[in-house]
PDB file of N, CA and C in Angstrom:
ATOM      1  N   UNK A   1      70.733 191.999 151.705  1.00  0.00           N
ATOM      2  CA  UNK A   1      70.270 192.406 150.397  1.00  0.00           C
ATOM      3  C   UNK A   1      70.520 193.895 150.179  1.00  0.00           C
ATOM      4  N   UNK A   2      70.283 194.699 151.196  1.00  0.00           N
ATOM      5  CA  UNK A   2      70.496 196.143 151.049  1.00  0.00           C
ATOM      6  C   UNK A   2      71.954 196.454 150.724  1.00  0.00           C
ATOM      7  N   UNK A   3      72.878 195.727 151.321  1.00  0.00           N
ATOM      8  CA  UNK A   3      74.298 195.936 151.041  1.00  0.00           C
ATOM      9  C   UNK A   3      74.619 195.574 149.590  1.00  0.00           C
ATOM     10  N   UNK A   4      74.106 194.443 149.130  1.00  0.00           N
ATOM     11  CA  UNK A   4      74.326 194.039 147.743  1.00  0.00           C
ATOM     12  C   UNK A   4      73.752 195.072 146.780  1.00  0.00           C
ATOM     13  N   UNK A   5      72.566 195.579 147.107  1.00  0.00           N
ATOM     14  CA  UNK A   5      71.922 196.577 146.251  1.00  0.00           C
ATOM     15  C   UNK A   5      72.778 197.843 146.178  1.00  0.00           C
ATOM     16  N   UNK A   6      73.272 198.289 147.315  1.00  0.00           N
ATOM     17  CA  UNK A   6      74.098 199.499 147.316  1.00  0.00           C
ATOM     18  C   UNK A   6      75.379 199.281 146.514  1.00  0.00           C
ATOM     19  N   UNK A   7      75.989 198.125 146.669  1.00  0.00           N
ATOM     20  CA  UNK A   7      77.180 197.812 145.881  1.00  0.00           C
ATOM     21  C   UNK A   7      76.868 197.842 144.388  1.00  0.00           C
ATOM     22  N   UNK A   8      75.724 197.321 144.013  1.00  0.00           N
ATOM     23  CA  UNK A   8      75.362 197.294 142.595  1.00  0.00           C
ATOM     24  C   UNK A   8      75.095 198.698 142.063  1.00  0.00           C
ATOM     25  N   UNK A   9      74.583 199.575 142.906  1.00  0.00           N
ATOM     26  CA  UNK A   9      74.340 200.967 142.487  1.00  0.00           C
ATOM     27  C   UNK A   9      75.666 201.718 142.364  1.00  0.00           C
ATOM     28  N   UNK A  10      76.630 201.360 143.187  1.00  0.00           N
ATOM     29  CA  UNK A  10      77.922 202.033 143.170  1.00  0.00           C
ATOM     30  C   UNK A  10      78.813 201.561 142.020  1.00  0.00           C
ATOM     31  N   UNK A  11      78.593 200.340 141.560  1.00  0.00           N
ATOM     32  CA  UNK A  11      79.442 199.773 140.517  1.00  0.00           C
ATOM     33  C   UNK A  11      78.579 199.176 139.412  1.00  0.00           C
ATOM     34  N   UNK A  12      78.392 199.920 138.368  1.00  0.00           N
ATOM     35  CA  UNK A  12      77.589 199.456 137.235  1.00  0.00           C
ATOM     36  C   UNK A  12      78.427 198.514 136.377  1.00  0.00           C
ATOM     37  N   UNK A  13      77.772 197.609 135.659  1.00  0.00           N
ATOM     38  CA  UNK A  13      78.524 196.711 134.784  1.00  0.00           C
ATOM     39  C   UNK A  13      79.144 197.492 133.626  1.00  0.00           C
ATOM     40  N   UNK A  14      80.321 197.073 133.185  1.00  0.00           N
ATOM     41  CA  UNK A  14      80.944 197.746 132.054  1.00  0.00           C
ATOM     42  C   UNK A  14      80.152 197.503 130.774  1.00  0.00           C
ATOM     43  N   UNK A  15      80.158 198.493 129.899  1.00  0.00           N
ATOM     44  CA  UNK A  15      79.477 198.341 128.615  1.00  0.00           C
ATOM     45  C   UNK A  15      80.306 197.413 127.724  1.00  0.00           C
ATOM     46  N   UNK A  16      79.637 196.565 127.009  1.00  0.00           N
ATOM     47  CA  UNK A  16      80.327 195.684 126.058  1.00  0.00           C
ATOM     48  C   UNK A  16      80.689 196.500 124.830  1.00  0.00           C
ATOM     49  N   UNK A  17      81.950 196.578 124.538  1.00  0.00           N
ATOM     50  CA  UNK A  17      82.394 197.407 123.431  1.00  0.00           C
ATOM     51  C   UNK A  17      82.186 196.759 122.071  1.00  0.00           C
ATOM     52  N   UNK A  18      82.117 195.451 122.021  1.00  0.00           N
ATOM     53  CA  UNK A  18      82.003 194.786 120.723  1.00  0.00           C
ATOM     54  C   UNK A  18      80.565 194.447 120.347  1.00  0.00           C
ATOM     55  N   UNK A  19      79.602 194.753 121.186  1.00  0.00           N
ATOM     56  CA  UNK A  19      78.200 194.534 120.867  1.00  0.00           C
ATOM     57  C   UNK A  19      77.742 193.089 120.900  1.00  0.00           C
ATOM     58  N   UNK A  20      78.587 192.175 121.323  1.00  0.00           N
ATOM     59  CA  UNK A  20      78.160 190.781 121.382  1.00  0.00           C
ATOM     60  C   UNK A  20      77.265 190.562 122.594  1.00  0.00           C
ATOM     61  N   UNK A  21      76.487 189.523 122.514  1.00  0.00           N
ATOM     62  CA  UNK A  21      75.571 189.168 123.596  1.00  0.00           C
ATOM     63  C   UNK A  21      75.886 187.744 124.035  1.00  0.00           C
ATOM     64  N   UNK A  22      76.453 187.572 125.219  1.00  0.00           N
ATOM     65  CA  UNK A  22      76.802 186.215 125.664  1.00  0.00           C
ATOM     66  C   UNK A  22      75.555 185.342 125.766  1.00  0.00           C
ATOM     67  N   UNK A  23      75.622 184.186 125.130  1.00  0.00           N
ATOM     68  CA  UNK A  23      74.505 183.231 125.105  1.00  0.00           C
ATOM     69  C   UNK A  23      73.236 183.871 124.552  1.00  0.00           C
ATOM     70  N   UNK A  24      73.401 184.898 123.708  1.00  0.00           N
ATOM     71  CA  UNK A  24      72.249 185.571 123.116  1.00  0.00           C
ATOM     72  C   UNK A  24      71.501 186.473 124.081  1.00  0.00           C
ATOM     73  N   UNK A  25      72.118 186.823 125.197  1.00  0.00           N
ATOM     74  CA  UNK A  25      71.470 187.631 126.234  1.00  0.00           C
ATOM     75  C   UNK A  25      71.929 189.083 126.115  1.00  0.00           C
ATOM     76  N   UNK A  26      70.977 189.980 125.978  1.00  0.00           N
ATOM     77  CA  UNK A  26      71.260 191.416 125.968  1.00  0.00           C
ATOM     78  C   UNK A  26      71.465 191.839 127.424  1.00  0.00           C
ATOM     79  N   UNK A  27      72.731 191.974 127.810  1.00  0.00           N
ATOM     80  CA  UNK A  27      73.042 192.258 129.206  1.00  0.00           C
ATOM     81  C   UNK A  27      72.527 193.619 129.658  1.00  0.00           C
ATOM     82  N   UNK A  28      72.561 194.607 128.781  1.00  0.00           N
ATOM     83  CA  UNK A  28      72.079 195.939 129.169  1.00  0.00           C
ATOM     84  C   UNK A  28      70.587 195.899 129.491  1.00  0.00           C
ATOM     85  N   UNK A  29      69.816 195.247 128.639  1.00  0.00           N
ATOM     86  CA  UNK A  29      68.373 195.140 128.885  1.00  0.00           C
ATOM     87  C   UNK A  29      68.103 194.307 130.138  1.00  0.00           C
ATOM     88  N   UNK A  30      68.844 193.229 130.301  1.00  0.00           N
ATOM     89  CA  UNK A  30      68.682 192.386 131.480  1.00  0.00           C
ATOM     90  C   UNK A  30      68.958 193.191 132.744  1.00  0.00           C
ATOM     91  N   UNK A  31      70.025 193.979 132.731  1.00  0.00           N
ATOM     92  CA  UNK A  31      70.384 194.791 133.896  1.00  0.00           C
ATOM     93  C   UNK A  31      69.262 195.753 134.260  1.00  0.00           C
ATOM     94  N   UNK A  32      68.724 196.447 133.279  1.00  0.00           N
ATOM     95  CA  UNK A  32      67.663 197.428 133.535  1.00  0.00           C
ATOM     96  C   UNK A  32      66.418 196.747 134.093  1.00  0.00           C
ATOM     97  N   UNK A  33      65.990 195.685 133.451  1.00  0.00           N
ATOM     98  CA  UNK A  33      64.751 195.015 133.878  1.00  0.00           C
ATOM     99  C   UNK A  33      64.902 194.353 135.239  1.00  0.00           C
ATOM    100  N   UNK A  34      66.002 193.641 135.431  1.00  0.00           N
ATOM    101  CA  UNK A  34      66.200 192.935 136.701  1.00  0.00           C
ATOM    102  C   UNK A  34      66.418 193.923 137.842  1.00  0.00           C
ATOM    103  N   UNK A  35      67.172 194.969 137.588  1.00  0.00           N
ATOM    104  CA  UNK A  35      67.376 195.998 138.618  1.00  0.00           C
ATOM    105  C   UNK A  35      66.059 196.651 139.005  1.00  0.00           C
ATOM    106  N   UNK A  36      65.204 196.883 138.031  1.00  0.00           N
ATOM    107  CA  UNK A  36      63.887 197.456 138.328  1.00  0.00           C
ATOM    108  C   UNK A  36      63.061 196.555 139.232  1.00  0.00           C
ATOM    109  N   UNK A  37      63.077 195.262 138.948  1.00  0.00           N
ATOM    110  CA  UNK A  37      62.330 194.319 139.787  1.00  0.00           C
ATOM    111  C   UNK A  37      62.916 194.249 141.195  1.00  0.00           C
ATOM    112  N   UNK A  38      64.237 194.236 141.289  1.00  0.00           N
ATOM    113  CA  UNK A  38      64.871 194.171 142.607  1.00  0.00           C
ATOM    114  C   UNK A  38      64.565 195.441 143.392  1.00  0.00           C
ATOM    115  N   UNK A  39      64.623 196.585 142.730  1.00  0.00           N
ATOM    116  CA  UNK A  39      64.295 197.855 143.390  1.00  0.00           C
ATOM    117  C   UNK A  39      62.860 197.822 143.918  1.00  0.00           C
ATOM    118  N   UNK A  40      61.932 197.343 143.108  1.00  0.00           N
ATOM    119  CA  UNK A  40      60.537 197.243 143.544  1.00  0.00           C
ATOM    120  C   UNK A  40      60.423 196.305 144.735  1.00  0.00           C
ATOM    121  N   UNK A  41      61.107 195.177 144.684  1.00  0.00           N
ATOM    122  CA  UNK A  41      61.060 194.220 145.789  1.00  0.00           C
ATOM    123  C   UNK A  41      61.594 194.839 147.075  1.00  0.00           C
ATOM    124  N   UNK A  42      62.670 195.624 146.966  1.00  0.00           N
ATOM    125  CA  UNK A  42      63.275 196.233 148.147  1.00  0.00           C
ATOM    126  C   UNK A  42      62.455 197.382 148.723  1.00  0.00           C
ATOM    127  N   UNK A  43      61.955 198.263 147.860  1.00  0.00           N
ATOM    128  CA  UNK A  43      61.402 199.538 148.331  1.00  0.00           C
ATOM    129  C   UNK A  43      59.895 199.692 148.155  1.00  0.00           C
ATOM    130  N   UNK A  44      59.283 198.812 147.409  1.00  0.00           N
ATOM    131  CA  UNK A  44      57.834 198.900 147.171  1.00  0.00           C
ATOM    132  C   UNK A  44      57.231 197.497 147.212  1.00  0.00           C
ATOM    133  N   UNK A  45      57.557 196.797 148.279  1.00  0.00           N
ATOM    134  CA  UNK A  45      57.185 195.380 148.394  1.00  0.00           C
ATOM    135  C   UNK A  45      55.693 195.152 148.153  1.00  0.00           C
ATOM    136  N   UNK A  46      54.856 196.080 148.588  1.00  0.00           N
ATOM    137  CA  UNK A  46      53.416 195.912 148.399  1.00  0.00           C
ATOM    138  C   UNK A  46      53.035 195.883 146.920  1.00  0.00           C
ATOM    139  N   UNK A  47      53.885 196.448 146.056  1.00  0.00           N
ATOM    140  CA  UNK A  47      53.627 196.465 144.614  1.00  0.00           C
ATOM    141  C   UNK A  47      54.252 195.275 143.901  1.00  0.00           C
ATOM    142  N   UNK A  48      55.098 194.525 144.598  1.00  0.00           N
ATOM    143  CA  UNK A  48      55.798 193.400 143.974  1.00  0.00           C
ATOM    144  C   UNK A  48      54.874 192.197 143.978  1.00  0.00           C
ATOM    145  N   UNK A  49      54.436 191.807 142.791  1.00  0.00           N
ATOM    146  CA  UNK A  49      53.483 190.709 142.692  1.00  0.00           C
ATOM    147  C   UNK A  49      54.001 189.553 141.858  1.00  0.00           C
ATOM    148  N   UNK A  50      53.099 188.687 141.503  1.00  0.00           N
ATOM    149  CA  UNK A  50      53.435 187.491 140.729  1.00  0.00           C
ATOM    150  C   UNK A  50      54.057 187.845 139.386  1.00  0.00           C
ATOM    151  N   UNK A  51      53.608 188.915 138.759  1.00  0.00           N
ATOM    152  CA  UNK A  51      54.165 189.333 137.466  1.00  0.00           C
ATOM    153  C   UNK A  51      55.641 189.680 137.623  1.00  0.00           C
ATOM    154  N   UNK A  52      55.968 190.397 138.692  1.00  0.00           N
ATOM    155  CA  UNK A  52      57.366 190.735 138.954  1.00  0.00           C
ATOM    156  C   UNK A  52      58.190 189.465 139.211  1.00  0.00           C
ATOM    157  N   UNK A  53      57.640 188.574 140.006  1.00  0.00           N
ATOM    158  CA  UNK A  53      58.345 187.338 140.328  1.00  0.00           C
ATOM    159  C   UNK A  53      58.603 186.521 139.068  1.00  0.00           C
ATOM    160  N   UNK A  54      57.619 186.433 138.195  1.00  0.00           N
ATOM    161  CA  UNK A  54      57.795 185.715 136.938  1.00  0.00           C
ATOM    162  C   UNK A  54      58.918 186.352 136.114  1.00  0.00           C
ATOM    163  N   UNK A  55      58.932 187.681 136.044  1.00  0.00           N
ATOM    164  CA  UNK A  55      59.975 188.396 135.303  1.00  0.00           C
ATOM    165  C   UNK A  55      61.348 188.095 135.884  1.00  0.00           C
ATOM    166  N   UNK A  56      61.466 188.129 137.205  1.00  0.00           N
ATOM    167  CA  UNK A  56      62.741 187.818 137.854  1.00  0.00           C
ATOM    168  C   UNK A  56      63.182 186.402 137.498  1.00  0.00           C
ATOM    169  N   UNK A  57      62.274 185.458 137.534  1.00  0.00           N
ATOM    170  CA  UNK A  57      62.631 184.064 137.244  1.00  0.00           C
ATOM    171  C   UNK A  57      63.097 183.899 135.795  1.00  0.00           C
ATOM    172  N   UNK A  58      62.423 184.562 134.854  1.00  0.00           N
ATOM    173  CA  UNK A  58      62.827 184.494 133.445  1.00  0.00           C
ATOM    174  C   UNK A  58      64.203 185.125 133.260  1.00  0.00           C
ATOM    175  N   UNK A  59      64.404 186.308 133.835  1.00  0.00           N
ATOM    176  CA  UNK A  59      65.681 186.999 133.701  1.00  0.00           C
ATOM    177  C   UNK A  59      66.804 186.249 134.415  1.00  0.00           C
ATOM    178  N   UNK A  60      66.484 185.606 135.503  1.00  0.00           N
ATOM    179  CA  UNK A  60      67.469 184.807 136.229  1.00  0.00           C
ATOM    180  C   UNK A  60      67.961 183.659 135.344  1.00  0.00           C
ATOM    181  N   UNK A  61      67.066 183.008 134.633  1.00  0.00           N
ATOM    182  CA  UNK A  61      67.467 181.938 133.713  1.00  0.00           C
ATOM    183  C   UNK A  61      68.374 182.496 132.604  1.00  0.00           C
ATOM    184  N   UNK A  62      68.018 183.670 132.070  1.00  0.00           N
ATOM    185  CA  UNK A  62      68.859 184.299 131.041  1.00  0.00           C
ATOM    186  C   UNK A  62      70.246 184.598 131.593  1.00  0.00           C
ATOM    187  N   UNK A  63      70.298 185.162 132.786  1.00  0.00           N
ATOM    188  CA  UNK A  63      71.576 185.495 133.405  1.00  0.00           C
ATOM    189  C   UNK A  63      72.402 184.237 133.654  1.00  0.00           C
ATOM    190  N   UNK A  64      71.763 183.175 134.081  1.00  0.00           N
ATOM    191  CA  UNK A  64      72.469 181.924 134.322  1.00  0.00           C
ATOM    192  C   UNK A  64      73.040 181.341 133.033  1.00  0.00           C
ATOM    193  N   UNK A  65      72.370 181.573 131.903  1.00  0.00           N
ATOM    194  CA  UNK A  65      72.909 181.145 130.604  1.00  0.00           C
ATOM    195  C   UNK A  65      74.122 181.984 130.216  1.00  0.00           C
ATOM    196  N   UNK A  66      74.090 183.283 130.542  1.00  0.00           N
ATOM    197  CA  UNK A  66      75.151 184.197 130.126  1.00  0.00           C
ATOM    198  C   UNK A  66      76.389 184.113 131.007  1.00  0.00           C
ATOM    199  N   UNK A  67      76.227 183.853 132.290  1.00  0.00           N
ATOM    200  CA  UNK A  67      77.352 183.887 133.229  1.00  0.00           C
ATOM    201  C   UNK A  67      78.583 183.090 132.776  1.00  0.00           C
ATOM    202  N   UNK A  68      78.426 181.858 132.305  1.00  0.00           N
ATOM    203  CA  UNK A  68      79.622 181.095 131.921  1.00  0.00           C
ATOM    204  C   UNK A  68      80.377 181.692 130.731  1.00  0.00           C
ATOM    205  N   UNK A  69      79.723 182.532 129.936  1.00  0.00           N
ATOM    206  CA  UNK A  69      80.348 183.103 128.753  1.00  0.00           C
ATOM    207  C   UNK A  69      80.945 184.489 128.987  1.00  0.00           C
ATOM    208  N   UNK A  70      80.807 185.024 130.194  1.00  0.00           N
ATOM    209  CA  UNK A  70      81.334 186.358 130.465  1.00  0.00           C
ATOM    210  C   UNK A  70      82.857 186.340 130.528  1.00  0.00           C
ATOM    211  N   UNK A  71      83.444 187.420 130.049  1.00  0.00           N
ATOM    212  CA  UNK A  71      84.894 187.582 130.128  1.00  0.00           C
ATOM    213  C   UNK A  71      85.207 188.589 131.227  1.00  0.00           C
ATOM    214  N   UNK A  72      86.471 188.759 131.525  1.00  0.00           N
ATOM    215  CA  UNK A  72      86.872 189.751 132.528  1.00  0.00           C
ATOM    216  C   UNK A  72      86.423 191.152 132.133  1.00  0.00           C
ATOM    217  N   UNK A  73      86.394 191.430 130.840  1.00  0.00           N
ATOM    218  CA  UNK A  73      85.939 192.743 130.361  1.00  0.00           C
ATOM    219  C   UNK A  73      84.479 193.011 130.724  1.00  0.00           C
ATOM    220  N   UNK A  74      83.714 191.953 130.919  1.00  0.00           N
ATOM    221  CA  UNK A  74      82.289 192.079 131.249  1.00  0.00           C
ATOM    222  C   UNK A  74      82.054 192.353 132.729  1.00  0.00           C
ATOM    223  N   UNK A  75      83.088 192.259 133.533  1.00  0.00           N
ATOM    224  CA  UNK A  75      82.924 192.450 134.967  1.00  0.00           C
ATOM    225  C   UNK A  75      82.065 191.358 135.583  1.00  0.00           C
ATOM    226  N   UNK A  76      82.484 190.102 135.484  1.00  0.00           N
ATOM    227  CA  UNK A  76      81.631 189.006 135.957  1.00  0.00           C
ATOM    228  C   UNK A  76      81.205 189.133 137.418  1.00  0.00           C
ATOM    229  N   UNK A  77      82.027 189.743 138.263  1.00  0.00           N
ATOM    230  CA  UNK A  77      81.644 189.894 139.670  1.00  0.00           C
ATOM    231  C   UNK A  77      80.392 190.757 139.818  1.00  0.00           C
ATOM    232  N   UNK A  78      80.208 191.713 138.922  1.00  0.00           N
ATOM    233  CA  UNK A  78      79.010 192.559 138.949  1.00  0.00           C
ATOM    234  C   UNK A  78      77.774 191.713 138.637  1.00  0.00           C
ATOM    235  N   UNK A  79      77.908 190.851 137.645  1.00  0.00           N
ATOM    236  CA  UNK A  79      76.776 190.007 137.237  1.00  0.00           C
ATOM    237  C   UNK A  79      76.510 188.904 138.258  1.00  0.00           C
ATOM    238  N   UNK A  80      77.559 188.415 138.908  1.00  0.00           N
ATOM    239  CA  UNK A  80      77.358 187.411 139.956  1.00  0.00           C
ATOM    240  C   UNK A  80      76.614 188.013 141.153  1.00  0.00           C
ATOM    241  N   UNK A  81      76.909 189.271 141.464  1.00  0.00           N
ATOM    242  CA  UNK A  81      76.192 189.955 142.547  1.00  0.00           C
ATOM    243  C   UNK A  81      74.722 190.121 142.168  1.00  0.00           C
ATOM    244  N   UNK A  82      74.471 190.521 140.922  1.00  0.00           N
ATOM    245  CA  UNK A  82      73.090 190.665 140.453  1.00  0.00           C
ATOM    246  C   UNK A  82      72.384 189.313 140.515  1.00  0.00           C
ATOM    247  N   UNK A  83      73.096 188.256 140.184  1.00  0.00           N
ATOM    248  CA  UNK A  83      72.538 186.909 140.272  1.00  0.00           C
ATOM    249  C   UNK A  83      72.159 186.567 141.712  1.00  0.00           C
ATOM    250  N   UNK A  84      73.040 186.884 142.665  1.00  0.00           N
ATOM    251  CA  UNK A  84      72.730 186.607 144.080  1.00  0.00           C
ATOM    252  C   UNK A  84      71.462 187.342 144.506  1.00  0.00           C
ATOM    253  N   UNK A  85      71.340 188.599 144.117  1.00  0.00           N
ATOM    254  CA  UNK A  85      70.149 189.368 144.499  1.00  0.00           C
ATOM    255  C   UNK A  85      68.900 188.786 143.849  1.00  0.00           C
ATOM    256  N   UNK A  86      68.992 188.449 142.577  1.00  0.00           N
ATOM    257  CA  UNK A  86      67.833 187.884 141.880  1.00  0.00           C
ATOM    258  C   UNK A  86      67.430 186.557 142.504  1.00  0.00           C
ATOM    259  N   UNK A  87      68.403 185.745 142.876  1.00  0.00           N
ATOM    260  CA  UNK A  87      68.109 184.455 143.506  1.00  0.00           C
ATOM    261  C   UNK A  87      67.411 184.673 144.850  1.00  0.00           C
ATOM    262  N   UNK A  88      67.864 185.651 145.628  1.00  0.00           N
ATOM    263  CA  UNK A  88      67.206 185.963 146.901  1.00  0.00           C
ATOM    264  C   UNK A  88      65.750 186.375 146.686  1.00  0.00           C
ATOM    265  N   UNK A  89      65.524 187.212 145.695  1.00  0.00           N
ATOM    266  CA  UNK A  89      64.157 187.649 145.395  1.00  0.00           C
ATOM    267  C   UNK A  89      63.313 186.460 144.957  1.00  0.00           C
ATOM    268  N   UNK A  90      63.832 185.656 144.041  1.00  0.00           N
ATOM    269  CA  UNK A  90      63.076 184.502 143.535  1.00  0.00           C
ATOM    270  C   UNK A  90      62.775 183.500 144.647  1.00  0.00           C
ATOM    271  N   UNK A  91      63.738 183.283 145.526  1.00  0.00           N
ATOM    272  CA  UNK A  91      63.532 182.321 146.611  1.00  0.00           C
ATOM    273  C   UNK A  91      62.592 182.841 147.693  1.00  0.00           C
ATOM    274  N   UNK A  92      62.538 184.157 147.866  1.00  0.00           N
ATOM    275  CA  UNK A  92      61.693 184.736 148.898  1.00  0.00           C
ATOM    276  C   UNK A  92      60.265 184.941 148.406  1.00  0.00           C
ATOM    277  N   UNK A  93      60.106 185.298 147.147  1.00  0.00           N
ATOM    278  CA  UNK A  93      58.776 185.506 146.591  1.00  0.00           C
ATOM    279  C   UNK A  93      58.244 186.886 146.824  1.00  0.00           C
ATOM    280  N   UNK A  94      57.040 187.151 146.327  1.00  0.00           N
ATOM    281  CA  UNK A  94      56.507 188.504 146.323  1.00  0.00           C
ATOM    282  C   UNK A  94      55.975 189.014 147.651  1.00  0.00           C
ATOM    283  N   UNK A  95      55.525 188.148 148.525  1.00  0.00           N
ATOM    284  CA  UNK A  95      54.795 188.655 149.693  1.00  0.00           C
ATOM    285  C   UNK A  95      55.492 188.416 151.021  1.00  0.00           C
ATOM    286  N   UNK A  96      56.710 187.927 150.971  1.00  0.00           N
ATOM    287  CA  UNK A  96      57.422 187.668 152.206  1.00  0.00           C
ATOM    288  C   UNK A  96      57.998 188.964 152.784  1.00  0.00           C
ATOM    289  N   UNK A  97      58.126 189.019 154.067  1.00  0.00           N
ATOM    290  CA  UNK A  97      58.762 190.174 154.702  1.00  0.00           C
ATOM    291  C   UNK A  97      60.179 189.853 155.137  1.00  0.00           C
ATOM    292  N   UNK A  98      60.718 188.713 154.680  1.00  0.00           N
ATOM    293  CA  UNK A  98      62.082 188.299 155.048  1.00  0.00           C
ATOM    294  C   UNK A  98      63.115 189.249 154.504  1.00  0.00           C
TER     295      UNK A  98
END
């Protein structure tokens, strides 16, 4: 997970130039919110609670709706990496030390 996180910090998703939202998902907002939850899970685990987990699960569903509609301009590999991290967080839950 730490490697995926570092990769995501090194390579931000490209900005959508046309302002469209794949599957009605605001990717910029999703990135900020999901990254915040993942950061909390990684570095402040004691603060990561059910509210964070619920947010991750909601955002994960949004991301899963958007993924099939992404184009090469959207940098799908960046979003797939974010999806992998979110799935790890959702599957592990708030209080695990895994």
